[in-house]
C-alpha atoms as a PDB file:
ATOM      1  CA  MET A   1     186.152 -12.552 110.048  1.00  0.00           C
ATOM      2  CA  SER A   2     184.495  -9.573 108.418  1.00  0.00           C
ATOM      3  CA  LEU A   3     181.181  -9.705 106.622  1.00  0.00           C
ATOM      4  CA  ARG A   4     181.084  -9.117 102.911  1.00  0.00           C
ATOM      5  CA  ARG A   5     178.104  -6.975 102.078  1.00  0.00           C
ATOM      6  CA  SER A   6     176.390  -6.599  98.739  1.00  0.00           C
ATOM      7  CA  GLY A   7     176.116  -3.224  97.072  1.00  0.00           C
ATOM      8  CA  LEU A   8     172.452  -3.055  98.012  1.00  0.00           C
ATOM      9  CA  GLN A   9     173.232  -3.730 101.673  1.00  0.00           C
ATOM     10  CA  LYS A  10     175.862  -0.984 101.607  1.00  0.00           C
ATOM     11  CA  GLU A  11     173.319   1.444 100.140  1.00  0.00           C
ATOM     12  CA  VAL A  12     170.808   0.666 102.878  1.00  0.00           C
ATOM     13  CA  ILE A  13     173.426   1.124 105.602  1.00  0.00           C
ATOM     14  CA  ALA A  14     174.575   4.395 104.018  1.00  0.00           C
ATOM     15  CA  LEU A  15     170.986   5.667 103.965  1.00  0.00           C
ATOM     16  CA  TYR A  16     170.500   4.663 107.607  1.00  0.00           C
ATOM     17  CA  ARG A  17     173.696   6.475 108.623  1.00  0.00           C
ATOM     18  CA  ARG A  18     172.629   9.543 106.628  1.00  0.00           C
ATOM     19  CA  ALA A  19     169.274   9.520 108.420  1.00  0.00           C
ATOM     20  CA  LEU A  20     170.978   9.264 111.816  1.00  0.00           C
ATOM     21  CA  ARG A  21     173.274  12.174 110.923  1.00  0.00           C
ATOM     22  CA  MET A  22     170.192  14.176 109.945  1.00  0.00           C
ATOM     23  CA  VAL A  23     168.792  13.585 113.450  1.00  0.00           C
ATOM     24  CA  ASN A  24     171.821  15.355 114.940  1.00  0.00           C
ATOM     25  CA  THR A  25     171.086  18.497 112.934  1.00  0.00           C
ATOM     26  CA  LYS A  26     167.633  18.901 114.488  1.00  0.00           C
ATOM     27  CA  PRO A  27     166.794  20.884 117.649  1.00  0.00           C
ATOM     28  CA  THR A  28     167.732  19.051 120.838  1.00  0.00           C
ATOM     29  CA  HIS A  29     164.137  18.677 122.023  1.00  0.00           C
ATOM     30  CA  ALA A  30     163.100  17.009 118.735  1.00  0.00           C
ATOM     31  CA  GLN A  31     166.069  14.656 118.316  1.00  0.00           C
ATOM     32  CA  PRO A  32     164.542  11.749 120.316  1.00  0.00           C
ATOM     33  CA  LYS A  33     161.429  11.859 118.134  1.00  0.00           C
ATOM     34  CA  PHE A  34     163.427  11.929 114.908  1.00  0.00           C
ATOM     35  CA  SER A  35     165.641   9.116 116.172  1.00  0.00           C
ATOM     36  CA  LEU A  36     162.631   6.985 117.080  1.00  0.00           C
ATOM     37  CA  PHE A  37     161.053   7.726 113.703  1.00  0.00           C
ATOM     38  CA  VAL A  38     164.194   6.646 111.820  1.00  0.00           C
ATOM     39  CA  ARG A  39     164.735   3.495 113.888  1.00  0.00           C
ATOM     40  CA  TYR A  40     161.078   2.441 113.722  1.00  0.00           C
ATOM     41  CA  THR A  41     160.782   3.087 109.998  1.00  0.00           C
ATOM     42  CA  PHE A  42     163.912   1.136 109.097  1.00  0.00           C
ATOM     43  CA  ARG A  43     163.069  -1.776 111.387  1.00  0.00           C
ATOM     44  CA  THR A  44     159.465  -2.159 110.228  1.00  0.00           C
ATOM     45  CA  GLN A  45     160.400  -1.795 106.573  1.00  0.00           C
ATOM     46  CA  ALA A  46     163.165  -4.385 106.963  1.00  0.00           C
ATOM     47  CA  ALA A  47     160.627  -6.828 108.352  1.00  0.00           C
ATOM     48  CA  SER A  48     158.159  -6.181 105.542  1.00  0.00           C
ATOM     49  CA  VAL A  49     160.339  -7.287 102.622  1.00  0.00           C
ATOM     50  CA  SER A  50     162.500 -10.295 101.823  1.00  0.00           C
ATOM     51  CA  SER A  51     166.174  -9.736 101.111  1.00  0.00           C
ATOM     52  CA  ARG A  52     165.611 -11.435  97.742  1.00  0.00           C
ATOM     53  CA  GLU A  53     163.134  -8.798  96.547  1.00  0.00           C
ATOM     54  CA  VAL A  54     165.726  -6.545  94.934  1.00  0.00           C
ATOM     55  CA  ALA A  55     163.268  -4.402  92.970  1.00  0.00           C
ATOM     56  CA  ALA A  56     161.209  -3.711  96.105  1.00  0.00           C
ATOM     57  CA  ILE A  57     164.328  -2.808  98.085  1.00  0.00           C
ATOM     58  CA  GLU A  58     165.539  -0.458  95.347  1.00  0.00           C
ATOM     59  CA  HIS A  59     162.117   1.195  95.296  1.00  0.00           C
ATOM     60  CA  MET A  60     162.207   1.597  99.075  1.00  0.00           C
ATOM     61  CA  LEU A  61     165.714   3.067  98.847  1.00  0.00           C
ATOM     62  CA  ARG A  62     164.551   5.694  96.348  1.00  0.00           C
ATOM     63  CA  ARG A  63     161.580   6.610  98.530  1.00  0.00           C
ATOM     64  CA  GLY A  64     163.775   6.627 101.620  1.00  0.00           C
ATOM     65  CA  ARG A  65     166.317   8.967 100.021  1.00  0.00           C
ATOM     66  CA  ARG A  66     163.569  11.408  99.060  1.00  0.00           C
ATOM     67  CA  GLN A  67     162.163  11.262 102.573  1.00  0.00           C
ATOM     68  CA  VAL A  68     165.567  11.878 104.188  1.00  0.00           C
ATOM     69  CA  GLU A  69     166.187  14.783 101.804  1.00  0.00           C
ATOM     70  CA  MET A  70     162.874  16.280 102.887  1.00  0.00           C
ATOM     71  CA  TYR A  71     163.725  15.909 106.594  1.00  0.00           C
ATOM     72  CA  GLU A  72     167.237  17.300 106.052  1.00  0.00           C
ATOM     73  CA  ASP A  73     165.700  20.660 105.152  1.00  0.00           C
ATOM     74  CA  GLY A  74     166.525  23.204 107.844  1.00  0.00           C
ATOM     75  CA  ASN A  75     162.910  24.343 108.028  1.00  0.00           C
ATOM     76  CA  VAL A  76     161.831  20.906 109.299  1.00  0.00           C
ATOM     77  CA  ARG A  77     162.248  21.191 113.065  1.00  0.00           C
ATOM     78  CA  ASP A  78     159.969  18.474 114.404  1.00  0.00           C
ATOM     79  CA  CYS A  79     158.231  15.279 113.336  1.00  0.00           C
ATOM     80  CA  TRP A  80     155.129  13.402 114.336  1.00  0.00           C
ATOM     81  CA  VAL A  81     155.492  10.111 116.193  1.00  0.00           C
ATOM     82  CA  SER A  82     152.554   7.708 116.447  1.00  0.00           C
ATOM     83  CA  VAL A  83     151.489   5.781 119.547  1.00  0.00           C
ATOM     84  CA  ASP A  84     152.663   2.568 117.841  1.00  0.00           C
ATOM     85  CA  MET A  85     156.121   4.079 117.377  1.00  0.00           C
ATOM     86  CA  VAL A  86     156.300   5.101 121.045  1.00  0.00           C
ATOM     87  CA  GLN A  87     155.222   1.631 122.187  1.00  0.00           C
ATOM     88  CA  TRP A  88     157.737   0.014 119.840  1.00  0.00           C
ATOM     89  CA  GLY A  89     160.430   2.368 121.141  1.00  0.00           C
ATOM     90  CA  GLU A  90     159.702   1.366 124.745  1.00  0.00           C
ATOM     91  CA  GLN A  91     159.897  -2.329 123.863  1.00  0.00           C
ATOM     92  CA  ASN A  92     163.146  -1.870 121.960  1.00  0.00           C
ATOM     93  CA  LYS A  93     164.823   0.680 124.217  1.00  0.00           C
ATOM     94  CA  GLY A  94     168.590   0.412 124.022  1.00  0.00           C
ATOM     95  CA  ARG A  95     168.578  -1.797 120.939  1.00  0.00           C
ATOM     96  CA  ASN A  96     170.107  -0.620 117.706  1.00  0.00           C
ATOM     97  CA  LEU A  97     169.491  -1.701 114.120  1.00  0.00           C
ATOM     98  CA  GLY A  98     172.055  -4.429 114.676  1.00  0.00           C
ATOM     99  CA  SER A  99     173.022  -7.268 112.439  1.00  0.00           C
ATOM    100  CA  SER A 100     169.554  -8.825 112.212  1.00  0.00           C
ATOM    101  CA  ALA A 101     168.063  -5.996 110.157  1.00  0.00           C
ATOM    102  CA  ALA A 102     171.239  -4.649 108.558  1.00  0.00           C
ATOM    103  CA  GLY A 103     171.656  -7.845 106.612  1.00  0.00           C
ATOM    104  CA  ARG A 104     168.031  -7.769 105.459  1.00  0.00           C
ATOM    105  CA  THR A 105     168.544  -4.738 103.167  1.00  0.00           C
ATOM    106  CA  ALA A 106     165.413  -2.649 103.480  1.00  0.00           C
ATOM    107  CA  ALA A 107     164.879   1.078 103.478  1.00  0.00           C
ATOM    108  CA  PRO A 108     162.193   3.409 104.796  1.00  0.00           C
ATOM    109  CA  GLN A 109     159.054   3.985 102.854  1.00  0.00           C
ATOM    110  CA  SER A 110     156.980   7.097 103.116  1.00  0.00           C
END
């Protein structure tokens, strides 16, 4: 049985996929940092908002799109990763966004 997703959920997933595609355009040495940044940002933002807060999610989507557009620029070759992000990445190594956060409909916030 397939899941039926709302339009908002589809937008969040599309933004996440766009962000992951952006990671692949970056220099090889910086890709793990960009990947960690994207995963951490989406996961923490998903946990910070209820799926019923549509206005907040739409706001986060707009901010997330602007942020991804900024990082898609070819002149951006590296990103900063905090100690919290690294620790989170070690704890969640091998896990993906998965169904728990994908259904929550949240986007990154800058």
